[in-house]
C-alpha cells in the first residue's frame, strides 16, 4: 500500500457477517460507504453507528488490489440484553456499551450501596468514551451534573445531549470518583 491508512483485519470470526461477506484476515479496510478509514478505531466507531440489518459497503485492499465487499450487519451476541442495551444506549455516538448495575456486579466491583448509575460493559477504542479514559467496569453516576439512578437514566441523558455538545460524566472507578468529558464526535 502507498500509505499506512486503514483498518487491518487481524481476525475473522467464523459465521460472522464479515466472514459470510468474504472478508479475510490480512485485508485492510480503507473505506466505509465511501468515507476513508484512517484506523481500526474509526472503523469500529462508524460501524457502531449503524443498526443491525444495515449494509456496510467496504473498500478493502487485498494483495495490493482494491475490492468492494458489502456486509449486512447483525446484532452482536445474538441480541443479548447487554449488547441490545448497549446499541440503544449510545454505543455508536459515544463508543460505550452500558449495562444494569446488579447487586452481584456491585459486590464484584466492591461498590457501596450509595453508588447508582450504569455499568460500563464495553468501550470502543478511539471513541469519545475511550478518549475520556472511561474503561470497562466503571460506573457512570452523573451526566452533566445530574445524578443518575439507573441504566435507563444514563442512557436517556446521553441520548438527549444535543449534537456537537460534549458530555460531562461523573465516573466511579476503583473506589474513587472523577469527572470525565466525552468530546462529541458529531458537529
N, C-alpha and C. Protein backbone atom coordinates (compact mmCIF):
# COMPACT_ATOMS: atom_id res chain seq x y z
N UNK A 1 0.84 -1.18 0.00
CA UNK A 1 0.00 0.00 0.00
C UNK A 1 0.88 1.24 0.00
N UNK A 2 0.40 2.29 -0.66
CA UNK A 2 1.15 3.54 -0.74
C UNK A 2 1.19 4.27 0.59
N UNK A 3 0.08 4.27 1.31
CA UNK A 3 0.04 4.98 2.58
C UNK A 3 -0.47 4.05 3.67
N UNK A 4 -0.01 4.29 4.88
CA UNK A 4 -0.40 3.44 6.01
C UNK A 4 -1.69 3.97 6.62
N UNK A 5 -2.78 3.72 5.97
CA UNK A 5 -4.09 4.13 6.48
C UNK A 5 -5.07 3.00 6.23
N UNK A 6 -5.99 2.84 7.16
CA UNK A 6 -6.99 1.79 7.04
C UNK A 6 -7.00 0.95 8.30
N UNK A 7 -7.88 -0.03 8.31
CA UNK A 7 -8.03 -0.93 9.45
C UNK A 7 -7.65 -2.33 9.01
N UNK A 8 -6.57 -2.86 9.59
CA UNK A 8 -6.10 -4.20 9.26
C UNK A 8 -6.99 -5.22 9.95
N UNK A 9 -7.48 -6.19 9.20
CA UNK A 9 -8.31 -7.26 9.76
C UNK A 9 -7.37 -8.32 10.31
N UNK A 10 -7.36 -8.45 11.65
CA UNK A 10 -6.45 -9.42 12.27
C UNK A 10 -7.12 -10.74 12.56
N UNK A 11 -8.47 -10.76 12.57
CA UNK A 11 -9.19 -11.99 12.86
C UNK A 11 -10.60 -11.88 12.30
N UNK A 12 -11.12 -12.96 11.75
CA UNK A 12 -12.49 -13.00 11.25
C UNK A 12 -13.19 -14.16 11.96
N UNK A 13 -14.23 -13.83 12.71
CA UNK A 13 -14.98 -14.85 13.44
C UNK A 13 -15.79 -15.70 12.47
N UNK A 14 -15.67 -17.03 12.56
CA UNK A 14 -16.46 -17.90 11.67
C UNK A 14 -17.96 -17.61 11.82
N UNK A 15 -18.68 -17.66 10.71
CA UNK A 15 -20.13 -17.43 10.65
C UNK A 15 -20.55 -16.01 11.03
N UNK A 16 -19.58 -15.08 11.15
CA UNK A 16 -19.92 -13.69 11.42
C UNK A 16 -20.35 -13.03 10.11
N UNK A 17 -21.00 -11.86 10.17
CA UNK A 17 -21.38 -11.17 8.93
C UNK A 17 -20.17 -10.91 8.02
N UNK A 18 -19.01 -10.56 8.63
CA UNK A 18 -17.81 -10.32 7.82
C UNK A 18 -17.34 -11.57 7.11
N UNK A 19 -17.34 -12.70 7.82
CA UNK A 19 -16.92 -13.97 7.22
C UNK A 19 -17.86 -14.36 6.08
N UNK A 20 -19.16 -14.20 6.32
CA UNK A 20 -20.15 -14.55 5.29
C UNK A 20 -20.01 -13.68 4.05
N UNK A 21 -19.57 -12.42 4.24
CA UNK A 21 -19.41 -11.50 3.11
C UNK A 21 -18.09 -11.72 2.36
N UNK A 22 -17.16 -12.48 2.98
CA UNK A 22 -15.90 -12.79 2.30
C UNK A 22 -14.70 -12.01 2.80
N UNK A 23 -14.81 -11.32 3.93
CA UNK A 23 -13.66 -10.63 4.50
C UNK A 23 -12.68 -11.67 5.02
N UNK A 24 -11.37 -11.41 4.79
CA UNK A 24 -10.35 -12.36 5.20
C UNK A 24 -9.32 -11.69 6.10
N UNK A 25 -8.69 -12.49 6.95
CA UNK A 25 -7.59 -12.00 7.77
C UNK A 25 -6.51 -11.45 6.84
N UNK A 26 -6.00 -10.27 7.17
CA UNK A 26 -4.98 -9.63 6.33
C UNK A 26 -5.56 -8.56 5.43
N UNK A 27 -6.87 -8.54 5.22
CA UNK A 27 -7.50 -7.46 4.45
C UNK A 27 -7.29 -6.14 5.19
N UNK A 28 -7.23 -5.06 4.44
CA UNK A 28 -7.15 -3.72 5.04
C UNK A 28 -8.37 -2.94 4.54
N UNK A 29 -9.25 -2.56 5.48
CA UNK A 29 -10.44 -1.79 5.13
C UNK A 29 -10.01 -0.33 4.99
N UNK A 30 -10.19 0.23 3.78
CA UNK A 30 -9.76 1.60 3.51
C UNK A 30 -10.93 2.59 3.42
N UNK A 31 -12.15 2.08 3.17
CA UNK A 31 -13.32 2.95 3.08
C UNK A 31 -14.56 2.22 3.61
N UNK A 32 -15.47 3.00 4.19
CA UNK A 32 -16.78 2.50 4.61
C UNK A 32 -17.80 3.45 4.03
N UNK A 33 -18.65 2.94 3.15
CA UNK A 33 -19.68 3.75 2.49
C UNK A 33 -19.07 5.00 1.85
N UNK A 34 -17.89 4.86 1.24
CA UNK A 34 -17.25 5.96 0.53
C UNK A 34 -16.42 6.88 1.41
N UNK A 35 -16.45 6.67 2.73
CA UNK A 35 -15.68 7.52 3.65
C UNK A 35 -14.34 6.85 3.94
N UNK A 36 -13.22 7.57 3.73
CA UNK A 36 -11.90 6.97 4.01
C UNK A 36 -11.76 6.60 5.48
N UNK A 37 -11.14 5.46 5.73
CA UNK A 37 -10.90 4.95 7.09
C UNK A 37 -9.42 5.12 7.40
N UNK A 38 -9.11 5.80 8.52
CA UNK A 38 -7.71 6.01 8.88
C UNK A 38 -7.17 4.90 9.78
N UNK A 39 -8.04 4.37 10.67
CA UNK A 39 -7.56 3.32 11.58
C UNK A 39 -8.73 2.47 12.08
N UNK A 40 -8.41 1.44 12.86
CA UNK A 40 -9.43 0.49 13.34
C UNK A 40 -10.44 1.17 14.25
N UNK A 41 -10.00 2.10 15.08
CA UNK A 41 -10.92 2.80 15.99
C UNK A 41 -12.00 3.54 15.24
N UNK A 42 -11.60 4.21 14.14
CA UNK A 42 -12.57 4.95 13.34
C UNK A 42 -13.57 3.98 12.69
N UNK A 43 -13.08 2.85 12.17
CA UNK A 43 -13.96 1.86 11.55
C UNK A 43 -14.97 1.34 12.57
N UNK A 44 -14.50 0.98 13.78
CA UNK A 44 -15.40 0.47 14.81
C UNK A 44 -16.46 1.50 15.18
N UNK A 45 -16.05 2.77 15.27
CA UNK A 45 -16.98 3.82 15.63
C UNK A 45 -18.06 3.97 14.55
N UNK A 46 -17.66 3.99 13.28
CA UNK A 46 -18.62 4.17 12.19
C UNK A 46 -19.57 2.97 12.09
N UNK A 47 -19.04 1.77 12.25
CA UNK A 47 -19.88 0.57 12.21
C UNK A 47 -20.84 0.58 13.40
N UNK A 48 -20.36 1.04 14.56
CA UNK A 48 -21.19 1.11 15.76
C UNK A 48 -22.37 2.06 15.62
N UNK A 49 -22.29 3.01 14.69
CA UNK A 49 -23.38 3.97 14.48
C UNK A 49 -24.47 3.39 13.58
N UNK A 50 -24.19 2.25 12.99
CA UNK A 50 -25.18 1.60 12.12
C UNK A 50 -26.06 0.66 12.93
N UNK A 51 -27.18 0.27 12.35
CA UNK A 51 -28.12 -0.63 13.01
C UNK A 51 -28.00 -2.04 12.43
N UNK A 52 -28.35 -3.07 13.22
CA UNK A 52 -28.40 -4.42 12.66
C UNK A 52 -29.34 -4.44 11.45
N UNK A 53 -28.89 -5.11 10.40
CA UNK A 53 -29.68 -5.17 9.17
C UNK A 53 -29.19 -4.17 8.13
N UNK A 54 -28.46 -3.12 8.55
CA UNK A 54 -27.88 -2.17 7.60
C UNK A 54 -26.79 -2.87 6.80
N UNK A 55 -26.54 -2.36 5.59
CA UNK A 55 -25.45 -2.88 4.77
C UNK A 55 -24.31 -1.89 4.78
N UNK A 56 -23.11 -2.37 5.07
CA UNK A 56 -21.91 -1.55 5.04
C UNK A 56 -21.16 -1.88 3.75
N UNK A 57 -20.85 -0.85 2.96
CA UNK A 57 -20.11 -1.02 1.71
C UNK A 57 -18.64 -0.73 2.01
N UNK A 58 -17.83 -1.79 2.03
CA UNK A 58 -16.42 -1.66 2.40
C UNK A 58 -15.52 -1.69 1.17
N UNK A 59 -14.53 -0.79 1.14
CA UNK A 59 -13.45 -0.85 0.16
C UNK A 59 -12.29 -1.53 0.88
N UNK A 60 -11.81 -2.63 0.35
CA UNK A 60 -10.80 -3.44 1.01
C UNK A 60 -9.61 -3.62 0.08
N UNK A 61 -8.40 -3.52 0.65
CA UNK A 61 -7.18 -3.84 -0.10
C UNK A 61 -6.79 -5.27 0.25
N UNK A 62 -6.67 -6.10 -0.78
CA UNK A 62 -6.26 -7.49 -0.59
C UNK A 62 -5.23 -7.80 -1.66
N UNK A 63 -4.05 -8.21 -1.25
CA UNK A 63 -2.97 -8.50 -2.20
C UNK A 63 -2.72 -7.31 -3.13
N UNK A 64 -2.69 -6.11 -2.55
CA UNK A 64 -2.45 -4.86 -3.29
C UNK A 64 -3.51 -4.53 -4.33
N UNK A 65 -4.67 -5.17 -4.24
CA UNK A 65 -5.76 -4.88 -5.18
C UNK A 65 -6.99 -4.43 -4.40
N UNK A 66 -7.64 -3.33 -4.83
CA UNK A 66 -8.86 -2.90 -4.15
C UNK A 66 -10.04 -3.81 -4.50
N UNK A 67 -10.84 -4.12 -3.50
CA UNK A 67 -12.02 -4.96 -3.67
C UNK A 67 -13.17 -4.32 -2.90
N UNK A 68 -14.36 -4.40 -3.43
CA UNK A 68 -15.53 -3.90 -2.71
C UNK A 68 -16.29 -5.08 -2.12
N UNK A 69 -16.59 -4.98 -0.81
CA UNK A 69 -17.32 -6.04 -0.12
C UNK A 69 -18.50 -5.41 0.61
N UNK A 70 -19.69 -5.96 0.40
CA UNK A 70 -20.87 -5.49 1.11
C UNK A 70 -21.16 -6.44 2.27
N UNK A 71 -21.28 -5.87 3.48
CA UNK A 71 -21.53 -6.66 4.68
C UNK A 71 -22.86 -6.24 5.28
N UNK A 72 -23.77 -7.20 5.48
CA UNK A 72 -25.02 -6.92 6.17
C UNK A 72 -24.77 -7.13 7.65
N UNK A 73 -24.95 -6.06 8.41
CA UNK A 73 -24.61 -6.10 9.84
C UNK A 73 -25.64 -6.88 10.64
N UNK A 74 -25.15 -7.54 11.68
CA UNK A 74 -26.02 -8.30 12.59
C UNK A 74 -25.82 -7.75 13.99
N UNK A 75 -26.76 -8.06 14.87
CA UNK A 75 -26.67 -7.66 16.26
C UNK A 75 -25.60 -8.52 16.92
N UNK A 76 -24.65 -7.90 17.63
CA UNK A 76 -23.61 -8.66 18.32
C UNK A 76 -24.22 -9.52 19.41
N UNK A 77 -23.58 -10.60 19.73
CA UNK A 77 -24.01 -11.52 20.79
C UNK A 77 -25.42 -12.04 20.58
N UNK A 78 -25.85 -12.09 19.33
CA UNK A 78 -27.18 -12.64 19.04
C UNK A 78 -28.29 -11.89 19.74
N UNK A 79 -28.07 -10.58 19.97
CA UNK A 79 -29.14 -9.78 20.55
C UNK A 79 -29.26 -9.92 22.05
N UNK A 80 -28.16 -10.24 22.74
CA UNK A 80 -28.24 -10.36 24.19
C UNK A 80 -28.63 -9.02 24.80
N UNK A 81 -29.11 -9.07 26.01
CA UNK A 81 -29.62 -7.87 26.66
C UNK A 81 -28.57 -6.77 26.74
N UNK A 82 -27.35 -7.12 27.14
CA UNK A 82 -26.34 -6.07 27.31
C UNK A 82 -25.98 -5.42 25.98
N UNK A 83 -25.85 -6.21 24.92
CA UNK A 83 -25.48 -5.60 23.65
C UNK A 83 -26.65 -4.85 23.04
N UNK A 84 -27.84 -5.41 23.16
CA UNK A 84 -29.01 -4.69 22.68
C UNK A 84 -29.12 -3.37 23.41
N UNK A 85 -28.92 -3.41 24.71
CA UNK A 85 -28.97 -2.19 25.51
C UNK A 85 -27.83 -1.27 25.11
N UNK A 86 -26.66 -1.86 24.86
CA UNK A 86 -25.51 -1.03 24.50
C UNK A 86 -25.73 -0.26 23.22
N UNK A 87 -26.28 -0.90 22.21
CA UNK A 87 -26.56 -0.21 20.95
C UNK A 87 -27.53 0.92 21.19
N UNK A 88 -28.57 0.61 21.91
CA UNK A 88 -29.63 1.56 22.17
C UNK A 88 -29.13 2.69 23.07
N UNK A 89 -28.17 2.38 23.93
CA UNK A 89 -27.74 3.34 24.93
C UNK A 89 -26.44 4.03 24.56
N UNK A 90 -26.31 4.47 23.32
CA UNK A 90 -25.25 5.39 22.95
C UNK A 90 -23.93 4.80 22.49
N UNK A 91 -23.84 3.50 22.24
CA UNK A 91 -22.54 2.94 21.87
C UNK A 91 -22.03 3.57 20.58
N UNK A 92 -22.92 3.79 19.63
CA UNK A 92 -22.47 4.38 18.37
C UNK A 92 -21.94 5.79 18.53
N UNK A 93 -22.65 6.65 19.22
CA UNK A 93 -22.26 8.06 19.35
C UNK A 93 -21.08 8.25 20.30
N UNK A 94 -21.16 7.65 21.46
CA UNK A 94 -20.14 7.87 22.48
C UNK A 94 -19.11 6.74 22.54
N UNK A 95 -19.39 5.61 21.86
CA UNK A 95 -18.45 4.49 21.86
C UNK A 95 -18.46 3.70 23.15
N UNK A 96 -19.65 3.56 23.74
CA UNK A 96 -19.76 2.94 25.06
C UNK A 96 -20.98 2.03 25.09
N UNK A 97 -20.83 0.86 25.69
CA UNK A 97 -21.98 -0.03 25.91
C UNK A 97 -22.23 -0.07 27.41
N UNK A 98 -23.48 0.16 27.78
CA UNK A 98 -23.85 0.24 29.19
C UNK A 98 -24.69 -0.94 29.62
N UNK A 99 -24.63 -1.29 30.90
CA UNK A 99 -25.44 -2.37 31.45
C UNK A 99 -25.98 -1.98 32.81
N UNK A 100 -26.90 -2.78 33.29
CA UNK A 100 -27.52 -2.56 34.60
C UNK A 100 -26.52 -2.89 35.70
N UNK A 101 -26.50 -2.08 36.74
CA UNK A 101 -25.64 -2.32 37.90
C UNK A 101 -26.42 -3.23 38.86
N UNK A 102 -26.20 -4.55 38.73
CA UNK A 102 -26.93 -5.53 39.55
C UNK A 102 -26.24 -5.68 40.91
N UNK A 103 -26.95 -6.22 41.90
CA UNK A 103 -26.31 -6.45 43.21
C UNK A 103 -25.05 -7.33 43.11
N UNK A 104 -25.08 -8.35 42.25
CA UNK A 104 -23.90 -9.21 42.08
C UNK A 104 -22.71 -8.42 41.55
N UNK A 105 -22.95 -7.61 40.51
CA UNK A 105 -21.87 -6.81 39.93
C UNK A 105 -21.37 -5.77 40.92
N UNK A 106 -22.30 -5.18 41.66
CA UNK A 106 -21.93 -4.20 42.68
C UNK A 106 -20.94 -4.84 43.68
N UNK A 107 -21.25 -6.10 44.08
CA UNK A 107 -20.37 -6.83 45.00
C UNK A 107 -19.01 -7.12 44.39
N UNK A 108 -18.99 -7.55 43.14
CA UNK A 108 -17.73 -7.85 42.46
C UNK A 108 -16.85 -6.61 42.37
N UNK A 109 -17.48 -5.45 42.12
CA UNK A 109 -16.74 -4.20 41.96
C UNK A 109 -16.42 -3.54 43.30
N UNK A 110 -17.01 -4.08 44.37
CA UNK A 110 -16.88 -3.51 45.72
C UNK A 110 -17.38 -2.07 45.75
N UNK A 111 -18.51 -1.86 45.07
CA UNK A 111 -19.15 -0.54 45.04
C UNK A 111 -20.20 -0.50 46.14
N UNK A 112 -20.22 0.54 46.92
CA UNK A 112 -21.17 0.64 48.03
C UNK A 112 -22.60 0.82 47.50
N UNK A 113 -23.56 0.60 48.38
CA UNK A 113 -24.97 0.74 48.02
C UNK A 113 -25.33 2.19 47.67
N UNK A 114 -24.46 3.13 48.02
CA UNK A 114 -24.71 4.54 47.72
C UNK A 114 -24.37 4.88 46.25
N UNK A 115 -23.68 3.97 45.57
CA UNK A 115 -23.29 4.20 44.18
C UNK A 115 -24.44 3.76 43.27
N UNK A 116 -24.94 4.69 42.45
CA UNK A 116 -26.02 4.39 41.49
C UNK A 116 -25.61 4.85 40.10
N UNK A 117 -26.25 4.29 39.10
CA UNK A 117 -25.97 4.68 37.72
C UNK A 117 -25.96 3.48 36.80
N UNK A 118 -25.06 3.52 35.80
CA UNK A 118 -24.97 2.44 34.82
C UNK A 118 -23.54 1.92 34.75
N UNK A 119 -23.42 0.62 34.58
CA UNK A 119 -22.12 -0.04 34.47
C UNK A 119 -21.63 0.04 33.02
N UNK A 120 -20.34 0.34 32.85
CA UNK A 120 -19.74 0.35 31.52
C UNK A 120 -19.34 -1.08 31.17
N UNK A 121 -20.02 -1.66 30.18
CA UNK A 121 -19.73 -3.04 29.75
C UNK A 121 -18.64 -3.11 28.69
N UNK A 122 -18.53 -2.05 27.88
CA UNK A 122 -17.57 -2.08 26.77
C UNK A 122 -17.29 -0.66 26.31
N UNK A 123 -16.08 -0.43 25.81
CA UNK A 123 -15.69 0.87 25.27
C UNK A 123 -14.97 0.62 23.95
N UNK A 124 -15.39 1.31 22.90
CA UNK A 124 -14.76 1.15 21.59
C UNK A 124 -13.46 1.95 21.57
N UNK A 125 -12.34 1.32 21.16
CA UNK A 125 -11.07 2.04 21.08
C UNK A 125 -11.18 3.26 20.17
N UNK A 126 -10.62 4.39 20.62
CA UNK A 126 -10.63 5.61 19.81
C UNK A 126 -11.92 6.41 19.89
N UNK A 127 -12.89 5.93 20.66
CA UNK A 127 -14.18 6.60 20.78
C UNK A 127 -14.10 7.75 21.79
N UNK A 128 -15.14 8.62 21.84
CA UNK A 128 -15.16 9.68 22.85
C UNK A 128 -15.02 9.14 24.28
N UNK A 129 -15.66 8.01 24.58
CA UNK A 129 -15.55 7.43 25.93
C UNK A 129 -14.12 6.97 26.20
N UNK A 130 -13.51 6.30 25.23
CA UNK A 130 -12.13 5.83 25.38
C UNK A 130 -11.18 7.01 25.56
N UNK A 131 -11.36 8.05 24.75
CA UNK A 131 -10.51 9.24 24.83
C UNK A 131 -10.66 9.95 26.19
N UNK A 132 -11.82 9.79 26.82
CA UNK A 132 -12.06 10.40 28.14
C UNK A 132 -11.49 9.54 29.27
N UNK A 133 -10.96 8.37 28.94
CA UNK A 133 -10.37 7.50 29.95
C UNK A 133 -11.37 6.60 30.64
N UNK A 134 -12.56 6.46 30.07
CA UNK A 134 -13.57 5.58 30.65
C UNK A 134 -13.25 4.15 30.24
N UNK A 135 -13.34 3.22 31.20
CA UNK A 135 -13.00 1.83 30.90
C UNK A 135 -14.10 0.88 31.37
N UNK A 136 -14.02 -0.34 30.89
CA UNK A 136 -14.95 -1.39 31.27
C UNK A 136 -14.91 -1.56 32.79
N UNK A 137 -16.08 -1.64 33.42
CA UNK A 137 -16.15 -1.80 34.87
C UNK A 137 -16.36 -0.49 35.62
N UNK A 138 -16.23 0.63 34.92
CA UNK A 138 -16.53 1.93 35.53
C UNK A 138 -18.05 2.05 35.70
N UNK A 139 -18.47 2.95 36.57
CA UNK A 139 -19.90 3.22 36.77
C UNK A 139 -20.14 4.70 36.51
N UNK A 140 -21.04 5.01 35.58
CA UNK A 140 -21.40 6.41 35.32
C UNK A 140 -22.49 6.79 36.30
N UNK A 141 -22.17 7.75 37.20
CA UNK A 141 -23.07 8.15 38.28
C UNK A 141 -23.84 9.44 37.97
N UNK A 142 -23.23 10.33 37.17
CA UNK A 142 -23.86 11.60 36.82
C UNK A 142 -23.61 11.89 35.35
N UNK A 143 -24.57 12.57 34.72
CA UNK A 143 -24.39 13.09 33.37
C UNK A 143 -24.75 14.57 33.43
N UNK A 144 -23.81 15.42 33.01
CA UNK A 144 -24.00 16.87 33.07
C UNK A 144 -24.49 17.34 34.44
N UNK A 145 -23.81 16.82 35.48
CA UNK A 145 -24.04 17.19 36.89
C UNK A 145 -25.42 16.79 37.42
N UNK A 146 -26.11 15.88 36.72
CA UNK A 146 -27.39 15.38 37.20
C UNK A 146 -27.19 13.95 37.69
N UNK A 147 -27.53 13.64 38.95
CA UNK A 147 -27.38 12.28 39.46
C UNK A 147 -28.24 11.28 38.68
N UNK A 148 -27.66 10.11 38.44
CA UNK A 148 -28.34 9.04 37.71
C UNK A 148 -28.65 7.90 38.68
N UNK A 149 -29.86 7.34 38.57
CA UNK A 149 -30.26 6.24 39.44
C UNK A 149 -30.13 4.87 38.77
N UNK A 150 -30.18 4.85 37.41
CA UNK A 150 -30.25 3.55 36.74
C UNK A 150 -29.66 3.63 35.33
N UNK A 151 -29.60 2.46 34.70
CA UNK A 151 -29.17 2.35 33.32
C UNK A 151 -30.00 3.24 32.42
N UNK A 152 -31.32 3.20 32.56
CA UNK A 152 -32.17 3.98 31.67
C UNK A 152 -31.96 5.48 31.87
N UNK A 153 -31.69 5.92 33.10
CA UNK A 153 -31.40 7.35 33.34
C UNK A 153 -30.15 7.78 32.56
N UNK A 154 -29.09 6.98 32.66
CA UNK A 154 -27.84 7.32 31.99
C UNK A 154 -28.03 7.29 30.47
N UNK A 155 -28.69 6.24 29.98
CA UNK A 155 -28.90 6.10 28.54
C UNK A 155 -29.70 7.27 27.99
N UNK A 156 -30.78 7.64 28.68
CA UNK A 156 -31.61 8.76 28.22
C UNK A 156 -30.84 10.06 28.25
N UNK A 157 -30.08 10.29 29.32
CA UNK A 157 -29.32 11.53 29.45
C UNK A 157 -28.27 11.66 28.34
N UNK A 158 -27.55 10.56 28.04
CA UNK A 158 -26.55 10.61 26.98
C UNK A 158 -27.19 10.78 25.60
N UNK A 159 -28.32 10.12 25.40
CA UNK A 159 -29.01 10.21 24.10
C UNK A 159 -29.57 11.61 23.87
N UNK A 160 -29.89 12.33 24.94
CA UNK A 160 -30.52 13.64 24.81
C UNK A 160 -29.55 14.80 24.78
N UNK A 161 -28.24 14.52 24.80
CA UNK A 161 -27.27 15.60 24.68
C UNK A 161 -27.27 16.06 23.23
N UNK A 162 -27.45 17.37 23.00
CA UNK A 162 -27.54 17.88 21.63
C UNK A 162 -26.28 17.55 20.82
N UNK A 163 -26.47 17.36 19.50
CA UNK A 163 -25.34 17.08 18.60
C UNK A 163 -24.31 18.19 18.74
N UNK A 164 -23.05 17.79 18.76
CA UNK A 164 -21.97 18.76 18.84
C UNK A 164 -21.62 19.16 20.27
N UNK A 165 -22.43 18.79 21.24
CA UNK A 165 -22.17 19.15 22.64
C UNK A 165 -21.46 18.00 23.35
N UNK A 166 -20.48 18.33 24.19
CA UNK A 166 -19.75 17.33 24.95
C UNK A 166 -20.59 16.84 26.13
N UNK A 167 -20.22 15.68 26.67
CA UNK A 167 -20.91 15.12 27.84
C UNK A 167 -19.95 15.12 29.03
N UNK A 168 -20.36 15.76 30.13
CA UNK A 168 -19.61 15.72 31.37
C UNK A 168 -20.20 14.60 32.22
N UNK A 169 -19.38 13.62 32.57
CA UNK A 169 -19.87 12.49 33.36
C UNK A 169 -19.03 12.32 34.62
N UNK A 170 -19.71 11.95 35.72
CA UNK A 170 -19.02 11.60 36.95
C UNK A 170 -18.91 10.08 36.96
N UNK A 171 -17.68 9.59 37.03
CA UNK A 171 -17.41 8.17 36.91
C UNK A 171 -16.82 7.64 38.22
N UNK A 172 -17.40 6.54 38.71
CA UNK A 172 -16.83 5.81 39.84
C UNK A 172 -15.95 4.72 39.25
N UNK A 173 -14.69 4.66 39.74
CA UNK A 173 -13.77 3.65 39.24
C UNK A 173 -12.79 3.29 40.35
N UNK A 174 -12.69 2.01 40.66
CA UNK A 174 -11.74 1.53 41.67
C UNK A 174 -11.85 2.28 43.00
N UNK A 175 -13.07 2.54 43.42
CA UNK A 175 -13.28 3.14 44.73
C UNK A 175 -13.25 4.65 44.79
N UNK A 176 -12.99 5.30 43.68
CA UNK A 176 -12.96 6.77 43.66
C UNK A 176 -13.77 7.32 42.51
N UNK A 177 -14.11 8.62 42.61
CA UNK A 177 -14.89 9.24 41.54
C UNK A 177 -14.08 10.36 40.89
N UNK A 178 -14.28 10.51 39.56
CA UNK A 178 -13.65 11.59 38.81
C UNK A 178 -14.62 12.06 37.74
N UNK A 179 -14.53 13.35 37.41
CA UNK A 179 -15.30 13.86 36.28
C UNK A 179 -14.51 13.60 35.01
N UNK A 180 -15.21 13.20 33.97
CA UNK A 180 -14.61 12.96 32.65
C UNK A 180 -15.45 13.70 31.61
N UNK A 181 -14.81 14.17 30.56
CA UNK A 181 -15.53 14.82 29.46
C UNK A 181 -15.42 13.95 28.21
N UNK A 182 -16.58 13.54 27.69
CA UNK A 182 -16.60 12.81 26.42
C UNK A 182 -16.87 13.88 25.34
N UNK A 183 -15.85 14.11 24.49
CA UNK A 183 -15.99 15.11 23.46
C UNK A 183 -16.81 14.56 22.30
N UNK A 184 -17.81 15.32 21.89
CA UNK A 184 -18.70 14.87 20.82
C UNK A 184 -17.94 14.72 19.52
N UNK A 185 -18.19 13.63 18.82
CA UNK A 185 -17.58 13.43 17.51
C UNK A 185 -18.50 13.95 16.41
N UNK A 186 -19.68 14.42 16.80
CA UNK A 186 -20.67 14.93 15.83
C UNK A 186 -20.63 16.45 15.83
N UNK A 187 -20.83 17.03 14.68
CA UNK A 187 -20.83 18.51 14.56
C UNK A 187 -22.24 19.04 14.55
